Structures are given as structure tokens and as C-alpha cells.
PDB file of N, CA and C in Angstrom:
ATOM      1  N   MET A   1      89.721  72.109 168.831  1.00  0.00           N
ATOM      2  CA  MET A   1      89.202  70.775 168.747  1.00  0.00           C
ATOM      3  C   MET A   1      89.470  70.229 167.345  1.00  0.00           C
ATOM      4  N   ALA A   2      89.997  69.042 167.277  1.00  0.00           N
ATOM      5  CA  ALA A   2      90.290  68.414 165.990  1.00  0.00           C
ATOM      6  C   ALA A   2      88.997  67.999 165.304  1.00  0.00           C
ATOM      7  N   ASN A   3      88.912  68.322 164.013  1.00  0.00           N
ATOM      8  CA  ASN A   3      87.732  67.919 163.277  1.00  0.00           C
ATOM      9  C   ASN A   3      88.077  67.124 162.022  1.00  0.00           C
ATOM     10  N   ILE A   4      89.345  66.677 161.915  1.00  0.00           N
ATOM     11  CA  ILE A   4      89.743  65.812 160.817  1.00  0.00           C
ATOM     12  C   ILE A   4      90.513  64.631 161.387  1.00  0.00           C
ATOM     13  N   GLY A   5      90.528  63.566 160.630  1.00  0.00           N
ATOM     14  CA  GLY A   5      91.230  62.373 161.067  1.00  0.00           C
ATOM     15  C   GLY A   5      92.669  62.360 160.585  1.00  0.00           C
ATOM     16  N   ALA A   6      93.306  61.242 160.806  1.00  0.00           N
ATOM     17  CA  ALA A   6      94.710  61.085 160.437  1.00  0.00           C
ATOM     18  C   ALA A   6      94.913  61.246 158.936  1.00  0.00           C
ATOM     19  N   ARG A   7      93.972  60.766 158.147  1.00  0.00           N
ATOM     20  CA  ARG A   7      94.090  60.876 156.687  1.00  0.00           C
ATOM     21  C   ARG A   7      94.049  62.331 156.243  1.00  0.00           C
ATOM     22  N   GLY A   8      93.151  63.126 156.814  1.00  0.00           N
ATOM     23  CA  GLY A   8      93.060  64.545 156.482  1.00  0.00           C
ATOM     24  C   GLY A   8      94.292  65.314 156.897  1.00  0.00           C
ATOM     25  N   ILE A   9      94.828  64.982 158.055  1.00  0.00           N
ATOM     26  CA  ILE A   9      96.053  65.626 158.526  1.00  0.00           C
ATOM     27  C   ILE A   9      97.195  65.316 157.569  1.00  0.00           C
ATOM     28  N   ARG A  10      97.322  64.057 157.197  1.00  0.00           N
ATOM     29  CA  ARG A  10      98.387  63.639 156.279  1.00  0.00           C
ATOM     30  C   ARG A  10      98.237  64.340 154.930  1.00  0.00           C
ATOM     31  N   GLN A  11      97.005  64.427 154.444  1.00  0.00           N
ATOM     32  CA  GLN A  11      96.753  65.068 153.151  1.00  0.00           C
ATOM     33  C   GLN A  11      97.130  66.551 153.196  1.00  0.00           C
ATOM     34  N   ARG A  12      96.771  67.248 154.256  1.00  0.00           N
ATOM     35  CA  ARG A  12      97.098  68.662 154.374  1.00  0.00           C
ATOM     36  C   ARG A  12      98.612  68.873 154.524  1.00  0.00           C
ATOM     37  N   ARG A  13      99.263  67.984 155.261  1.00  0.00           N
ATOM     38  CA  ARG A  13     100.715  68.093 155.431  1.00  0.00           C
ATOM     39  C   ARG A  13     101.428  67.875 154.093  1.00  0.00           C
ATOM     40  N   ILE A  14     100.999  66.878 153.349  1.00  0.00           N
ATOM     41  CA  ILE A  14     101.615  66.605 152.043  1.00  0.00           C
ATOM     42  C   ILE A  14     101.384  67.778 151.102  1.00  0.00           C
ATOM     43  N   THR A  15     100.162  68.299 151.091  1.00  0.00           N
ATOM     44  CA  THR A  15      99.853  69.448 150.246  1.00  0.00           C
ATOM     45  C   THR A  15     100.725  70.636 150.608  1.00  0.00           C
ATOM     46  N   GLY A  16     100.890  70.900 151.897  1.00  0.00           N
ATOM     47  CA  GLY A  16     101.732  72.004 152.342  1.00  0.00           C
ATOM     48  C   GLY A  16     103.182  71.836 151.918  1.00  0.00           C
ATOM     49  N   VAL A  17     103.698  70.635 152.057  1.00  0.00           N
ATOM     50  CA  VAL A  17     105.094  70.382 151.682  1.00  0.00           C
ATOM     51  C   VAL A  17     105.281  70.511 150.175  1.00  0.00           C
ATOM     52  N   VAL A  18     104.329  70.015 149.402  1.00  0.00           N
ATOM     53  CA  VAL A  18     104.424  70.120 147.944  1.00  0.00           C
ATOM     54  C   VAL A  18     104.450  71.590 147.523  1.00  0.00           C
ATOM     55  N   TRP A  19     103.550  72.409 148.075  1.00  0.00           N
ATOM     56  CA  TRP A  19     103.535  73.833 147.730  1.00  0.00           C
ATOM     57  C   TRP A  19     104.820  74.519 148.181  1.00  0.00           C
ATOM     58  N   LEU A  20     105.354  74.107 149.319  1.00  0.00           N
ATOM     59  CA  LEU A  20     106.593  74.700 149.797  1.00  0.00           C
ATOM     60  C   LEU A  20     107.749  74.378 148.843  1.00  0.00           C
ATOM     61  N   VAL A  21     107.832  73.135 148.416  1.00  0.00           N
ATOM     62  CA  VAL A  21     108.891  72.732 147.480  1.00  0.00           C
ATOM     63  C   VAL A  21     108.738  73.475 146.156  1.00  0.00           C
ATOM     64  N   LEU A  22     107.507  73.585 145.659  1.00  0.00           N
ATOM     65  CA  LEU A  22     107.277  74.316 144.414  1.00  0.00           C
ATOM     66  C   LEU A  22     107.654  75.789 144.558  1.00  0.00           C
ATOM     67  N   GLY A  23     107.327  76.385 145.678  1.00  0.00           N
ATOM     68  CA  GLY A  23     107.671  77.784 145.908  1.00  0.00           C
ATOM     69  C   GLY A  23     109.173  78.007 145.971  1.00  0.00           C
ATOM     70  N   VAL A  24     109.867  77.129 146.675  1.00  0.00           N
ATOM     71  CA  VAL A  24     111.326  77.258 146.784  1.00  0.00           C
ATOM     72  C   VAL A  24     111.972  77.042 145.411  1.00  0.00           C
ATOM     73  N   ALA A  25     111.493  76.045 144.663  1.00  0.00           N
ATOM     74  CA  ALA A  25     112.040  75.784 143.330  1.00  0.00           C
ATOM     75  C   ALA A  25     111.813  76.984 142.412  1.00  0.00           C
ATOM     76  N   ALA A  26     110.618  77.557 142.461  1.00  0.00           N
ATOM     77  CA  ALA A  26     110.324  78.733 141.636  1.00  0.00           C
ATOM     78  C   ALA A  26     111.196  79.917 142.049  1.00  0.00           C
ATOM     79  N   LEU A  27     111.413  80.085 143.345  1.00  0.00           N
ATOM     80  CA  LEU A  27     112.268  81.168 143.820  1.00  0.00           C
ATOM     81  C   LEU A  27     113.696  81.007 143.305  1.00  0.00           C
ATOM     82  N   ILE A  28     114.209  79.802 143.367  1.00  0.00           N
ATOM     83  CA  ILE A  28     115.572  79.547 142.878  1.00  0.00           C
ATOM     84  C   ILE A  28     115.666  79.857 141.395  1.00  0.00           C
ATOM     85  N   VAL A  29     114.679  79.402 140.624  1.00  0.00           N
ATOM     86  CA  VAL A  29     114.682  79.670 139.181  1.00  0.00           C
ATOM     87  C   VAL A  29     114.628  81.171 138.926  1.00  0.00           C
ATOM     88  N   MET A  30     113.786  81.872 139.661  1.00  0.00           N
ATOM     89  CA  MET A  30     113.665  83.314 139.448  1.00  0.00           C
ATOM     90  C   MET A  30     114.943  84.060 139.824  1.00  0.00           C
ATOM     91  N   LEU A  31     115.615  83.610 140.873  1.00  0.00           N
ATOM     92  CA  LEU A  31     116.863  84.264 141.262  1.00  0.00           C
ATOM     93  C   LEU A  31     117.972  83.988 140.257  1.00  0.00           C
ATOM     94  N   VAL A  32     118.042  82.770 139.763  1.00  0.00           N
ATOM     95  CA  VAL A  32     119.082  82.409 138.796  1.00  0.00           C
ATOM     96  C   VAL A  32     118.879  83.137 137.470  1.00  0.00           C
ATOM     97  N   THR A  33     117.614  83.289 137.060  1.00  0.00           N
ATOM     98  CA  THR A  33     117.326  83.954 135.786  1.00  0.00           C
ATOM     99  C   THR A  33     117.168  85.459 135.928  1.00  0.00           C
ATOM    100  N   HIS A  34     117.388  85.986 137.138  1.00  0.00           N
ATOM    101  CA  HIS A  34     117.294  87.422 137.401  1.00  0.00           C
ATOM    102  C   HIS A  34     115.927  87.983 137.029  1.00  0.00           C
ATOM    103  N   ALA A  35     114.893  87.302 137.460  1.00  0.00           N
ATOM    104  CA  ALA A  35     113.525  87.758 137.212  1.00  0.00           C
ATOM    105  C   ALA A  35     113.288  89.083 137.944  1.00  0.00           C
ATOM    106  N   PRO A  36     112.441  89.934 137.389  1.00  0.00           N
ATOM    107  CA  PRO A  36     112.163  91.209 138.052  1.00  0.00           C
ATOM    108  C   PRO A  36     111.500  91.012 139.415  1.00  0.00           C
ATOM    109  N   ARG A  37     111.669  91.991 140.276  1.00  0.00           N
ATOM    110  CA  ARG A  37     111.101  91.904 141.627  1.00  0.00           C
ATOM    111  C   ARG A  37     109.591  91.711 141.594  1.00  0.00           C
ATOM    112  N   GLY A  38     108.933  92.399 140.683  1.00  0.00           N
ATOM    113  CA  GLY A  38     107.483  92.299 140.584  1.00  0.00           C
ATOM    114  C   GLY A  38     107.025  90.875 140.289  1.00  0.00           C
ATOM    115  N   ALA A  39     107.788  90.157 139.496  1.00  0.00           N
ATOM    116  CA  ALA A  39     107.441  88.775 139.174  1.00  0.00           C
ATOM    117  C   ALA A  39     107.569  87.886 140.409  1.00  0.00           C
ATOM    118  N   ARG A  40     108.507  88.234 141.275  1.00  0.00           N
ATOM    119  CA  ARG A  40     108.704  87.426 142.482  1.00  0.00           C
ATOM    120  C   ARG A  40     107.571  87.573 143.482  1.00  0.00           C
ATOM    121  N   LEU A  41     106.775  88.608 143.337  1.00  0.00           N
ATOM    122  CA  LEU A  41     105.609  88.770 144.212  1.00  0.00           C
ATOM    123  C   LEU A  41     104.622  87.612 144.050  1.00  0.00           C
ATOM    124  N   TRP A  42     104.594  87.032 142.868  1.00  0.00           N
ATOM    125  CA  TRP A  42     103.695  85.893 142.628  1.00  0.00           C
ATOM    126  C   TRP A  42     104.044  84.698 143.509  1.00  0.00           C
ATOM    127  N   LEU A  43     105.241  84.676 144.065  1.00  0.00           N
ATOM    128  CA  LEU A  43     105.643  83.571 144.939  1.00  0.00           C
ATOM    129  C   LEU A  43     104.874  83.581 146.257  1.00  0.00           C
ATOM    130  N   ALA A  44     104.206  84.670 146.544  1.00  0.00           N
ATOM    131  CA  ALA A  44     103.385  84.716 147.758  1.00  0.00           C
ATOM    132  C   ALA A  44     102.281  83.659 147.702  1.00  0.00           C
ATOM    133  N   ILE A  45     101.801  83.351 146.520  1.00  0.00           N
ATOM    134  CA  ILE A  45     100.703  82.379 146.383  1.00  0.00           C
ATOM    135  C   ILE A  45     101.130  80.979 146.813  1.00  0.00           C
ATOM    136  N   PRO A  46     102.195  80.397 146.236  1.00  0.00           N
ATOM    137  CA  PRO A  46     102.560  79.046 146.690  1.00  0.00           C
ATOM    138  C   PRO A  46     102.991  79.001 148.151  1.00  0.00           C
ATOM    139  N   PHE A  47     103.662  80.061 148.630  1.00  0.00           N
ATOM    140  CA  PHE A  47     104.074  80.062 150.030  1.00  0.00           C
ATOM    141  C   PHE A  47     102.875  80.200 150.964  1.00  0.00           C
ATOM    142  N   ALA A  48     101.877  80.951 150.557  1.00  0.00           N
ATOM    143  CA  ALA A  48     100.658  81.065 151.362  1.00  0.00           C
ATOM    144  C   ALA A  48      99.910  79.734 151.398  1.00  0.00           C
ATOM    145  N   LEU A  49      99.838  79.062 150.268  1.00  0.00           N
ATOM    146  CA  LEU A  49      99.174  77.753 150.235  1.00  0.00           C
ATOM    147  C   LEU A  49      99.939  76.726 151.072  1.00  0.00           C
ATOM    148  N   ALA A  50     101.263  76.809 151.047  1.00  0.00           N
ATOM    149  CA  ALA A  50     102.073  75.908 151.874  1.00  0.00           C
ATOM    150  C   ALA A  50     101.805  76.158 153.348  1.00  0.00           C
ATOM    151  N   ALA A  51     101.791  77.425 153.732  1.00  0.00           N
ATOM    152  CA  ALA A  51     101.528  77.760 155.130  1.00  0.00           C
ATOM    153  C   ALA A  51     100.138  77.310 155.541  1.00  0.00           C
ATOM    154  N   LEU A  52      99.173  77.512 154.673  1.00  0.00           N
ATOM    155  CA  LEU A  52      97.804  77.116 154.972  1.00  0.00           C
ATOM    156  C   LEU A  52      97.714  75.611 155.225  1.00  0.00           C
ATOM    157  N   GLY A  53      98.289  74.819 154.340  1.00  0.00           N
ATOM    158  CA  GLY A  53      98.248  73.364 154.505  1.00  0.00           C
ATOM    159  C   GLY A  53      98.958  72.899 155.759  1.00  0.00           C
ATOM    160  N   LEU A  54     100.152  73.445 155.998  1.00  0.00           N
ATOM    161  CA  LEU A  54     100.933  73.007 157.155  1.00  0.00           C
ATOM    162  C   LEU A  54     100.293  73.448 158.471  1.00  0.00           C
ATOM    163  N   LEU A  55      99.758  74.664 158.488  1.00  0.00           N
ATOM    164  CA  LEU A  55      99.107  75.138 159.716  1.00  0.00           C
ATOM    165  C   LEU A  55      97.801  74.383 159.990  1.00  0.00           C
ATOM    166  N   GLN A  56      97.066  74.053 158.944  1.00  0.00           N
ATOM    167  CA  GLN A  56      95.852  73.267 159.139  1.00  0.00           C
ATOM    168  C   GLN A  56      96.187  71.868 159.643  1.00  0.00           C
ATOM    169  N   ALA A  57      97.254  71.275 159.126  1.00  0.00           N
ATOM    170  CA  ALA A  57      97.658  69.956 159.605  1.00  0.00           C
ATOM    171  C   ALA A  57      98.062  70.019 161.073  1.00  0.00           C
ATOM    172  N   ARG A  58      98.776  71.070 161.426  1.00  0.00           N
ATOM    173  CA  ARG A  58      99.238  71.230 162.802  1.00  0.00           C
ATOM    174  C   ARG A  58      98.069  71.424 163.771  1.00  0.00           C
ATOM    175  N   ALA A  59      97.088  72.228 163.335  1.00  0.00           N
ATOM    176  CA  ALA A  59      95.936  72.524 164.198  1.00  0.00           C
ATOM    177  C   ALA A  59      94.852  71.437 164.124  1.00  0.00           C
ATOM    178  N   LYS A  60      95.017  70.517 163.184  1.00  0.00           N
ATOM    179  CA  LYS A  60      94.046  69.420 162.993  1.00  0.00           C
ATOM    180  C   LYS A  60      92.650  69.959 162.683  1.00  0.00           C
ATOM    181  N   THR A  61      92.617  70.949 161.778  1.00  0.00           N
ATOM    182  CA  THR A  61      91.318  71.519 161.389  1.00  0.00           C
ATOM    183  C   THR A  61      91.075  71.360 159.921  1.00  0.00           C
TER     184      THR A  61
END
């Protein structure tokens, strides 16, 4: 059951896309600069936030 309106859906979708773009940009920078594998683990945070926003927008919750 949807518990947010169109504005909330739009806000969550925008937030998800922004985190996704930031995560991809950070990944590209880390690959180009040959960052250690351990440092790339931190990319789980922006990608998780992107997934959270996009999935919440999709489910309308």
C-alpha cells in the first residue's frame, strides 16, 4: 500500500539517482587512480543508498 504522495516518490527517486551517479563517479575515479581494493569497499555505501531510494520510490513507501 502506498503511503507517500507524488512529491515523496519524486524526492526518493532523485535521491536514488544522485547517489547512483556519485557512486559511479567515485568508482571511475578509484579505478583510474588504482585505489586499493579495500578502499573500493566504501562504495557499498553510496550504492546501498541509491538502491534504497530507488526501491522506496518504486514501492511507494
